[in-house]
């Protein structure tokens, strides 16, 4: 069975490589259009209201849930620095 799956994968890869650039672009556009259609017409995913009940709900310096917000700052503010040095390392 595994040999059959590998042969199927190889055949599908060969079919993809054999496509003309115009056909590849058409498939890409079709897949993107179907994805956008689904996202536009799909119902919203419900989220439990308890998700927003943080343990520390103090307001400090006018910022609600101050310690929850401040604890996320190091991860968000260093993204550019991390990207710069991680890309440079590899």
C-alpha atoms as a PDB file:
ATOM      1  CA  UNK A   1       0.000   0.000   0.000  1.00  0.00           C
ATOM      2  CA  UNK A   2       2.840   2.371   0.827  1.00  0.00           C
ATOM      3  CA  UNK A   3       4.356   1.807  -2.596  1.00  0.00           C
ATOM      4  CA  UNK A   4       1.033   2.747  -4.181  1.00  0.00           C
ATOM      5  CA  UNK A   5       0.880   5.996  -2.203  1.00  0.00           C
ATOM      6  CA  UNK A   6       4.449   6.883  -3.152  1.00  0.00           C
ATOM      7  CA  UNK A   7       3.655   6.216  -6.806  1.00  0.00           C
ATOM      8  CA  UNK A   8       0.543   8.388  -6.558  1.00  0.00           C
ATOM      9  CA  UNK A   9       2.547  11.215  -5.004  1.00  0.00           C
ATOM     10  CA  UNK A  10       5.235  10.956  -7.678  1.00  0.00           C
ATOM     11  CA  UNK A  11       2.591  10.990 -10.399  1.00  0.00           C
ATOM     12  CA  UNK A  12       0.878  14.057  -8.932  1.00  0.00           C
ATOM     13  CA  UNK A  13       4.222  15.868  -8.644  1.00  0.00           C
ATOM     14  CA  UNK A  14       5.017  14.997 -12.261  1.00  0.00           C
ATOM     15  CA  UNK A  15       1.607  16.315 -13.322  1.00  0.00           C
ATOM     16  CA  UNK A  16       2.248  19.550 -11.459  1.00  0.00           C
ATOM     17  CA  UNK A  17       5.650  19.958 -13.093  1.00  0.00           C
ATOM     18  CA  UNK A  18       4.176  19.212 -16.513  1.00  0.00           C
ATOM     19  CA  UNK A  19       1.643  22.043 -16.212  1.00  0.00           C
ATOM     20  CA  UNK A  20       2.216  25.139 -18.260  1.00  0.00           C
ATOM     21  CA  UNK A  21       2.801  28.380 -16.352  1.00  0.00           C
ATOM     22  CA  UNK A  22      -0.603  29.626 -17.519  1.00  0.00           C
ATOM     23  CA  UNK A  23      -2.348  26.533 -16.147  1.00  0.00           C
ATOM     24  CA  UNK A  24      -0.456  26.824 -12.835  1.00  0.00           C
ATOM     25  CA  UNK A  25      -1.538  30.451 -12.500  1.00  0.00           C
ATOM     26  CA  UNK A  26      -5.107  29.443 -13.295  1.00  0.00           C
ATOM     27  CA  UNK A  27      -5.074  26.780 -10.564  1.00  0.00           C
ATOM     28  CA  UNK A  28      -3.553  29.240  -8.115  1.00  0.00           C
ATOM     29  CA  UNK A  29      -6.220  31.826  -8.922  1.00  0.00           C
ATOM     30  CA  UNK A  30      -8.971  29.195  -8.635  1.00  0.00           C
ATOM     31  CA  UNK A  31      -7.724  27.987  -5.224  1.00  0.00           C
ATOM     32  CA  UNK A  32      -7.372  31.573  -3.972  1.00  0.00           C
ATOM     33  CA  UNK A  33     -10.874  32.445  -5.213  1.00  0.00           C
ATOM     34  CA  UNK A  34     -12.411  29.395  -3.519  1.00  0.00           C
ATOM     35  CA  UNK A  35     -10.578  30.218  -0.276  1.00  0.00           C
ATOM     36  CA  UNK A  36     -11.755  33.843  -0.350  1.00  0.00           C
ATOM     37  CA  UNK A  37     -15.311  32.746  -1.127  1.00  0.00           C
ATOM     38  CA  UNK A  38     -15.251  30.363   1.826  1.00  0.00           C
ATOM     39  CA  UNK A  39     -13.865  33.005   4.194  1.00  0.00           C
ATOM     40  CA  UNK A  40     -16.420  35.548   3.034  1.00  0.00           C
ATOM     41  CA  UNK A  41     -19.469  33.284   3.382  1.00  0.00           C
ATOM     42  CA  UNK A  42     -18.426  31.094   6.311  1.00  0.00           C
ATOM     43  CA  UNK A  43     -20.151  31.878   9.600  1.00  0.00           C
ATOM     44  CA  UNK A  44     -18.014  33.441  12.332  1.00  0.00           C
ATOM     45  CA  UNK A  45     -16.341  31.043  14.712  1.00  0.00           C
ATOM     46  CA  UNK A  46     -17.902  31.559  18.148  1.00  0.00           C
ATOM     47  CA  UNK A  47     -15.617  32.190  21.097  1.00  0.00           C
ATOM     48  CA  UNK A  48     -16.518  31.725  24.724  1.00  0.00           C
ATOM     49  CA  UNK A  49     -16.834  35.037  26.586  1.00  0.00           C
ATOM     50  CA  UNK A  50     -14.896  33.521  29.481  1.00  0.00           C
ATOM     51  CA  UNK A  51     -11.802  33.702  27.248  1.00  0.00           C
ATOM     52  CA  UNK A  52     -11.557  37.414  28.024  1.00  0.00           C
ATOM     53  CA  UNK A  53     -11.801  37.015  31.798  1.00  0.00           C
ATOM     54  CA  UNK A  54      -8.186  37.593  32.790  1.00  0.00           C
ATOM     55  CA  UNK A  55      -6.970  36.806  36.296  1.00  0.00           C
ATOM     56  CA  UNK A  56      -5.466  40.240  36.858  1.00  0.00           C
ATOM     57  CA  UNK A  57      -8.007  42.834  35.758  1.00  0.00           C
ATOM     58  CA  UNK A  58      -6.463  45.891  37.426  1.00  0.00           C
ATOM     59  CA  UNK A  59      -6.230  49.156  35.518  1.00  0.00           C
ATOM     60  CA  UNK A  60      -2.853  50.871  35.918  1.00  0.00           C
ATOM     61  CA  UNK A  61      -1.940  54.096  34.074  1.00  0.00           C
ATOM     62  CA  UNK A  62      -5.240  53.885  32.196  1.00  0.00           C
ATOM     63  CA  UNK A  63      -4.406  50.470  30.708  1.00  0.00           C
ATOM     64  CA  UNK A  64      -7.006  47.796  31.537  1.00  0.00           C
ATOM     65  CA  UNK A  65      -5.529  44.391  32.395  1.00  0.00           C
ATOM     66  CA  UNK A  66      -2.180  46.171  32.749  1.00  0.00           C
ATOM     67  CA  UNK A  67       0.039  43.223  33.685  1.00  0.00           C
ATOM     68  CA  UNK A  68      -1.455  41.023  30.987  1.00  0.00           C
ATOM     69  CA  UNK A  69      -0.675  43.686  28.383  1.00  0.00           C
ATOM     70  CA  UNK A  70       2.796  44.472  29.722  1.00  0.00           C
ATOM     71  CA  UNK A  71       3.769  40.788  29.892  1.00  0.00           C
ATOM     72  CA  UNK A  72       3.160  40.519  26.125  1.00  0.00           C
ATOM     73  CA  UNK A  73       5.289  43.544  25.201  1.00  0.00           C
ATOM     74  CA  UNK A  74       8.668  41.744  25.167  1.00  0.00           C
ATOM     75  CA  UNK A  75       7.427  39.183  22.670  1.00  0.00           C
ATOM     76  CA  UNK A  76       5.914  41.779  20.349  1.00  0.00           C
ATOM     77  CA  UNK A  77       8.545  44.510  20.549  1.00  0.00           C
ATOM     78  CA  UNK A  78      11.467  42.231  19.749  1.00  0.00           C
ATOM     79  CA  UNK A  79      10.066  40.712  16.573  1.00  0.00           C
ATOM     80  CA  UNK A  80      12.091  42.937  14.248  1.00  0.00           C
ATOM     81  CA  UNK A  81      15.305  42.335  16.162  1.00  0.00           C
ATOM     82  CA  UNK A  82      14.738  38.571  16.243  1.00  0.00           C
ATOM     83  CA  UNK A  83      13.950  38.439  12.539  1.00  0.00           C
ATOM     84  CA  UNK A  84      17.071  40.418  11.716  1.00  0.00           C
ATOM     85  CA  UNK A  85      19.415  38.241  13.749  1.00  0.00           C
ATOM     86  CA  UNK A  86      17.704  34.900  13.065  1.00  0.00           C
ATOM     87  CA  UNK A  87      17.853  35.464   9.317  1.00  0.00           C
ATOM     88  CA  UNK A  88      21.473  36.599   9.615  1.00  0.00           C
ATOM     89  CA  UNK A  89      22.350  33.461  11.620  1.00  0.00           C
ATOM     90  CA  UNK A  90      21.065  31.157   8.908  1.00  0.00           C
END
